[in-house]
Amino acid sequence: MFEVKDIVTVNHNKEVAKVVTVNARYSQIEVQYNDGSYEVMGFHKATKQEDDKC
């Protein structure tokens, strides 16, 4: 499950974005790209980035 402020990779364009809204009812997230634009997409269209720092 995604949470607000998670960093994700958008599958169709391989860009990194930040989750700003999570809608569990419709299985959608709204992400903000580095250029300031937003996009709404289904959970299946984004991959959560894992922390590589341990």
PDB file of N, CA and C in Angstrom:
ATOM      1  N   MET A   1       0.840  -1.185   0.000  1.00  0.00           N
ATOM      2  CA  MET A   1       0.000   0.000   0.000  1.00  0.00           C
ATOM      3  C   MET A   1       0.882   1.244   0.000  1.00  0.00           C
ATOM      4  N   PHE A   2       0.450   2.237  -0.717  1.00  0.00           N
ATOM      5  CA  PHE A   2       1.182   3.495  -0.796  1.00  0.00           C
ATOM      6  C   PHE A   2       0.768   4.432   0.330  1.00  0.00           C
ATOM      7  N   GLU A   3       1.676   5.298   0.713  1.00  0.00           N
ATOM      8  CA  GLU A   3       1.405   6.318   1.717  1.00  0.00           C
ATOM      9  C   GLU A   3       1.855   7.673   1.172  1.00  0.00           C
ATOM     10  N   VAL A   4       1.260   8.749   1.694  1.00  0.00           N
ATOM     11  CA  VAL A   4       1.653  10.093   1.292  1.00  0.00           C
ATOM     12  C   VAL A   4       3.132  10.285   1.612  1.00  0.00           C
ATOM     13  N   LYS A   5       3.826  10.956   0.725  1.00  0.00           N
ATOM     14  CA  LYS A   5       5.264  11.251   0.785  1.00  0.00           C
ATOM     15  C   LYS A   5       6.150  10.073   0.378  1.00  0.00           C
ATOM     16  N   ASP A   6       5.561   8.934  -0.041  1.00  0.00           N
ATOM     17  CA  ASP A   6       6.364   7.844  -0.583  1.00  0.00           C
ATOM     18  C   ASP A   6       6.979   8.294  -1.911  1.00  0.00           C
ATOM     19  N   ILE A   7       8.154   7.806  -2.205  1.00  0.00           N
ATOM     20  CA  ILE A   7       8.797   8.055  -3.487  1.00  0.00           C
ATOM     21  C   ILE A   7       8.554   6.830  -4.358  1.00  0.00           C
ATOM     22  N   VAL A   8       8.052   7.066  -5.568  1.00  0.00           N
ATOM     23  CA  VAL A   8       7.706   5.964  -6.465  1.00  0.00           C
ATOM     24  C   VAL A   8       8.343   6.177  -7.837  1.00  0.00           C
ATOM     25  N   THR A   9       8.444   5.091  -8.579  1.00  0.00           N
ATOM     26  CA  THR A   9       8.847   5.146  -9.980  1.00  0.00           C
ATOM     27  C   THR A   9       7.604   4.860 -10.808  1.00  0.00           C
ATOM     28  N   VAL A  10       7.281   5.758 -11.719  1.00  0.00           N
ATOM     29  CA  VAL A  10       6.110   5.592 -12.584  1.00  0.00           C
ATOM     30  C   VAL A  10       6.503   4.622 -13.692  1.00  0.00           C
ATOM     31  N   ASN A  11       5.740   3.552 -13.837  1.00  0.00           N
ATOM     32  CA  ASN A  11       6.119   2.464 -14.743  1.00  0.00           C
ATOM     33  C   ASN A  11       6.178   2.857 -16.213  1.00  0.00           C
ATOM     34  N   HIS A  12       5.255   3.695 -16.693  1.00  0.00           N
ATOM     35  CA  HIS A  12       5.201   3.961 -18.130  1.00  0.00           C
ATOM     36  C   HIS A  12       6.244   4.957 -18.621  1.00  0.00           C
ATOM     37  N   ASN A  13       6.815   5.786 -17.746  1.00  0.00           N
ATOM     38  CA  ASN A  13       7.836   6.720 -18.216  1.00  0.00           C
ATOM     39  C   ASN A  13       9.118   6.681 -17.392  1.00  0.00           C
ATOM     40  N   LYS A  14       9.170   5.804 -16.400  1.00  0.00           N
ATOM     41  CA  LYS A  14      10.362   5.582 -15.563  1.00  0.00           C
ATOM     42  C   LYS A  14      10.810   6.826 -14.799  1.00  0.00           C
ATOM     43  N   GLU A  15       9.919   7.792 -14.601  1.00  0.00           N
ATOM     44  CA  GLU A  15      10.253   8.995 -13.828  1.00  0.00           C
ATOM     45  C   GLU A  15      10.001   8.751 -12.353  1.00  0.00           C
ATOM     46  N   VAL A  16      10.746   9.464 -11.531  1.00  0.00           N
ATOM     47  CA  VAL A  16      10.576   9.397 -10.087  1.00  0.00           C
ATOM     48  C   VAL A  16       9.597  10.489  -9.675  1.00  0.00           C
ATOM     49  N   ALA A  17       8.678  10.144  -8.776  1.00  0.00           N
ATOM     50  CA  ALA A  17       7.663  11.096  -8.330  1.00  0.00           C
ATOM     51  C   ALA A  17       7.348  10.865  -6.860  1.00  0.00           C
ATOM     52  N   LYS A  18       6.671  11.844  -6.251  1.00  0.00           N
ATOM     53  CA  LYS A  18       6.287  11.757  -4.841  1.00  0.00           C
ATOM     54  C   LYS A  18       4.771  11.618  -4.749  1.00  0.00           C
ATOM     55  N   VAL A  19       4.301  10.706  -3.908  1.00  0.00           N
ATOM     56  CA  VAL A  19       2.866  10.500  -3.706  1.00  0.00           C
ATOM     57  C   VAL A  19       2.320  11.648  -2.861  1.00  0.00           C
ATOM     58  N   VAL A  20       1.255  12.309  -3.341  1.00  0.00           N
ATOM     59  CA  VAL A  20       0.644  13.403  -2.593  1.00  0.00           C
ATOM     60  C   VAL A  20      -0.766  13.058  -2.102  1.00  0.00           C
ATOM     61  N   THR A  21      -1.438  12.114  -2.757  1.00  0.00           N
ATOM     62  CA  THR A  21      -2.773  11.685  -2.345  1.00  0.00           C
ATOM     63  C   THR A  21      -2.923  10.191  -2.594  1.00  0.00           C
ATOM     64  N   VAL A  22      -3.560   9.498  -1.655  1.00  0.00           N
ATOM     65  CA  VAL A  22      -3.848   8.071  -1.813  1.00  0.00           C
ATOM     66  C   VAL A  22      -5.352   7.883  -1.707  1.00  0.00           C
ATOM     67  N   ASN A  23      -5.940   7.204  -2.694  1.00  0.00           N
ATOM     68  CA  ASN A  23      -7.366   6.899  -2.694  1.00  0.00           C
ATOM     69  C   ASN A  23      -7.508   5.379  -2.715  1.00  0.00           C
ATOM     70  N   ALA A  24      -7.622   4.780  -1.524  1.00  0.00           N
ATOM     71  CA  ALA A  24      -7.695   3.323  -1.418  1.00  0.00           C
ATOM     72  C   ALA A  24      -9.000   2.781  -1.990  1.00  0.00           C
ATOM     73  N   ARG A  25     -10.061   3.560  -1.915  1.00  0.00           N
ATOM     74  CA  ARG A  25     -11.359   3.094  -2.419  1.00  0.00           C
ATOM     75  C   ARG A  25     -11.299   2.766  -3.907  1.00  0.00           C
ATOM     76  N   TYR A  26     -10.622   3.608  -4.675  1.00  0.00           N
ATOM     77  CA  TYR A  26     -10.518   3.405  -6.118  1.00  0.00           C
ATOM     78  C   TYR A  26      -9.144   2.909  -6.547  1.00  0.00           C
ATOM     79  N   SER A  27      -8.293   2.557  -5.598  1.00  0.00           N
ATOM     80  CA  SER A  27      -6.937   2.047  -5.876  1.00  0.00           C
ATOM     81  C   SER A  27      -6.154   3.000  -6.771  1.00  0.00           C
ATOM     82  N   GLN A  28      -6.155   4.284  -6.402  1.00  0.00           N
ATOM     83  CA  GLN A  28      -5.461   5.296  -7.177  1.00  0.00           C
ATOM     84  C   GLN A  28      -4.563   6.141  -6.287  1.00  0.00           C
ATOM     85  N   ILE A  29      -3.510   6.675  -6.905  1.00  0.00           N
ATOM     86  CA  ILE A  29      -2.637   7.636  -6.230  1.00  0.00           C
ATOM     87  C   ILE A  29      -2.485   8.861  -7.124  1.00  0.00           C
ATOM     88  N   GLU A  30      -2.223   9.998  -6.493  1.00  0.00           N
ATOM     89  CA  GLU A  30      -1.859  11.204  -7.226  1.00  0.00           C
ATOM     90  C   GLU A  30      -0.400  11.460  -6.921  1.00  0.00           C
ATOM     91  N   VAL A  31       0.405  11.639  -7.961  1.00  0.00           N
ATOM     92  CA  VAL A  31       1.836  11.864  -7.776  1.00  0.00           C
ATOM     93  C   VAL A  31       2.220  13.236  -8.298  1.00  0.00           C
ATOM     94  N   GLN A  32       3.298  13.776  -7.727  1.00  0.00           N
ATOM     95  CA  GLN A  32       3.849  15.043  -8.189  1.00  0.00           C
ATOM     96  C   GLN A  32       5.250  14.777  -8.711  1.00  0.00           C
ATOM     97  N   TYR A  33       5.494  15.209  -9.948  1.00  0.00           N
ATOM     98  CA  TYR A  33       6.810  15.066 -10.559  1.00  0.00           C
ATOM     99  C   TYR A  33       7.714  16.213 -10.127  1.00  0.00           C
ATOM    100  N   ASN A  34       8.998  16.085 -10.407  1.00  0.00           N
ATOM    101  CA  ASN A  34       9.980  17.106 -10.038  1.00  0.00           C
ATOM    102  C   ASN A  34       9.714  18.454 -10.698  1.00  0.00           C
ATOM    103  N   ASP A  35       9.062  18.442 -11.863  1.00  0.00           N
ATOM    104  CA  ASP A  35       8.779  19.708 -12.556  1.00  0.00           C
ATOM    105  C   ASP A  35       7.523  20.402 -12.029  1.00  0.00           C
ATOM    106  N   GLY A  36       6.858  19.793 -11.031  1.00  0.00           N
ATOM    107  CA  GLY A  36       5.692  20.397 -10.419  1.00  0.00           C
ATOM    108  C   GLY A  36       4.360  19.912 -10.960  1.00  0.00           C
ATOM    109  N   SER A  37       4.379  19.117 -12.005  1.00  0.00           N
ATOM    110  CA  SER A  37       3.125  18.613 -12.570  1.00  0.00           C
ATOM    111  C   SER A  37       2.619  17.418 -11.753  1.00  0.00           C
ATOM    112  N   TYR A  38       1.316  17.166 -11.876  1.00  0.00           N
ATOM    113  CA  TYR A  38       0.651  16.101 -11.139  1.00  0.00           C
ATOM    114  C   TYR A  38       0.031  15.105 -12.109  1.00  0.00           C
ATOM    115  N   GLU A  39      -0.160  13.857 -11.632  1.00  0.00           N
ATOM    116  CA  GLU A  39      -0.844  12.842 -12.427  1.00  0.00           C
ATOM    117  C   GLU A  39      -1.536  11.869 -11.479  1.00  0.00           C
ATOM    118  N   VAL A  40      -2.743  11.468 -11.845  1.00  0.00           N
ATOM    119  CA  VAL A  40      -3.479  10.451 -11.094  1.00  0.00           C
ATOM    120  C   VAL A  40      -3.343   9.138 -11.853  1.00  0.00           C
ATOM    121  N   MET A  41      -3.069   8.068 -11.106  1.00  0.00           N
ATOM    122  CA  MET A  41      -2.894   6.759 -11.751  1.00  0.00           C
ATOM    123  C   MET A  41      -3.291   5.652 -10.794  1.00  0.00           C
ATOM    124  N   GLY A  42      -3.505   4.484 -11.330  1.00  0.00           N
ATOM    125  CA  GLY A  42      -3.817   3.313 -10.519  1.00  0.00           C
ATOM    126  C   GLY A  42      -2.579   2.809  -9.802  1.00  0.00           C
ATOM    127  N   PHE A  43      -2.808   2.072  -8.712  1.00  0.00           N
ATOM    128  CA  PHE A  43      -1.697   1.509  -7.946  1.00  0.00           C
ATOM    129  C   PHE A  43      -0.760   0.685  -8.832  1.00  0.00           C
ATOM    130  N   HIS A  44      -1.318  -0.022  -9.804  1.00  0.00           N
ATOM    131  CA  HIS A  44      -0.521  -0.916 -10.638  1.00  0.00           C
ATOM    132  C   HIS A  44       0.411  -0.179 -11.601  1.00  0.00           C
ATOM    133  N   LYS A  45       0.277   1.123 -11.728  1.00  0.00           N
ATOM    134  CA  LYS A  45       1.117   1.891 -12.650  1.00  0.00           C
ATOM    135  C   LYS A  45       2.323   2.540 -11.991  1.00  0.00           C
ATOM    136  N   ALA A  46       2.530   2.263 -10.703  1.00  0.00           N
ATOM    137  CA  ALA A  46       3.675   2.830  -9.992  1.00  0.00           C
ATOM    138  C   ALA A  46       4.322   1.745  -9.138  1.00  0.00           C
ATOM    139  N   THR A  47       5.622   1.896  -8.939  1.00  0.00           N
ATOM    140  CA  THR A  47       6.382   0.973  -8.113  1.00  0.00           C
ATOM    141  C   THR A  47       7.029   1.755  -6.983  1.00  0.00           C
ATOM    142  N   LYS A  48       6.788   1.311  -5.765  1.00  0.00           N
ATOM    143  CA  LYS A  48       7.346   1.979  -4.591  1.00  0.00           C
ATOM    144  C   LYS A  48       8.852   1.735  -4.545  1.00  0.00           C
ATOM    145  N   GLN A  49       9.612   2.804  -4.312  1.00  0.00           N
ATOM    146  CA  GLN A  49      11.056   2.668  -4.196  1.00  0.00           C
ATOM    147  C   GLN A  49      11.425   2.251  -2.776  1.00  0.00           C
ATOM    148  N   GLU A  50      12.316   1.300  -2.666  1.00  0.00           N
ATOM    149  CA  GLU A  50      12.773   0.828  -1.367  1.00  0.00           C
ATOM    150  C   GLU A  50      14.009   1.619  -0.953  1.00  0.00           C
ATOM    151  N   ASP A  51      14.175   1.826   0.347  1.00  0.00           N
ATOM    152  CA  ASP A  51      15.375   2.481   0.864  1.00  0.00           C
ATOM    153  C   ASP A  51      16.549   1.538   0.734  1.00  0.00           C
ATOM    154  N   ASP A  52      17.584   1.971   0.028  1.00  0.00           N
ATOM    155  CA  ASP A  52      18.786   1.159  -0.111  1.00  0.00           C
ATOM    156  C   ASP A  52      19.746   1.411   1.044  1.00  0.00           C
ATOM    157  N   LYS A  53      19.467   2.413   1.857  1.00  0.00           N
ATOM    158  CA  LYS A  53      20.336   2.753   2.968  1.00  0.00           C
ATOM    159  C   LYS A  53      19.979   1.903   4.179  1.00  0.00           C
ATOM    160  N   CYS A  54      20.939   1.190   4.703  1.00  0.00           N
ATOM    161  CA  CYS A  54      20.695   0.367   5.888  1.00  0.00           C
ATOM    162  C   CYS A  54      21.715   0.676   6.958  1.00  0.00           C
TER     163      CYS A  54
END
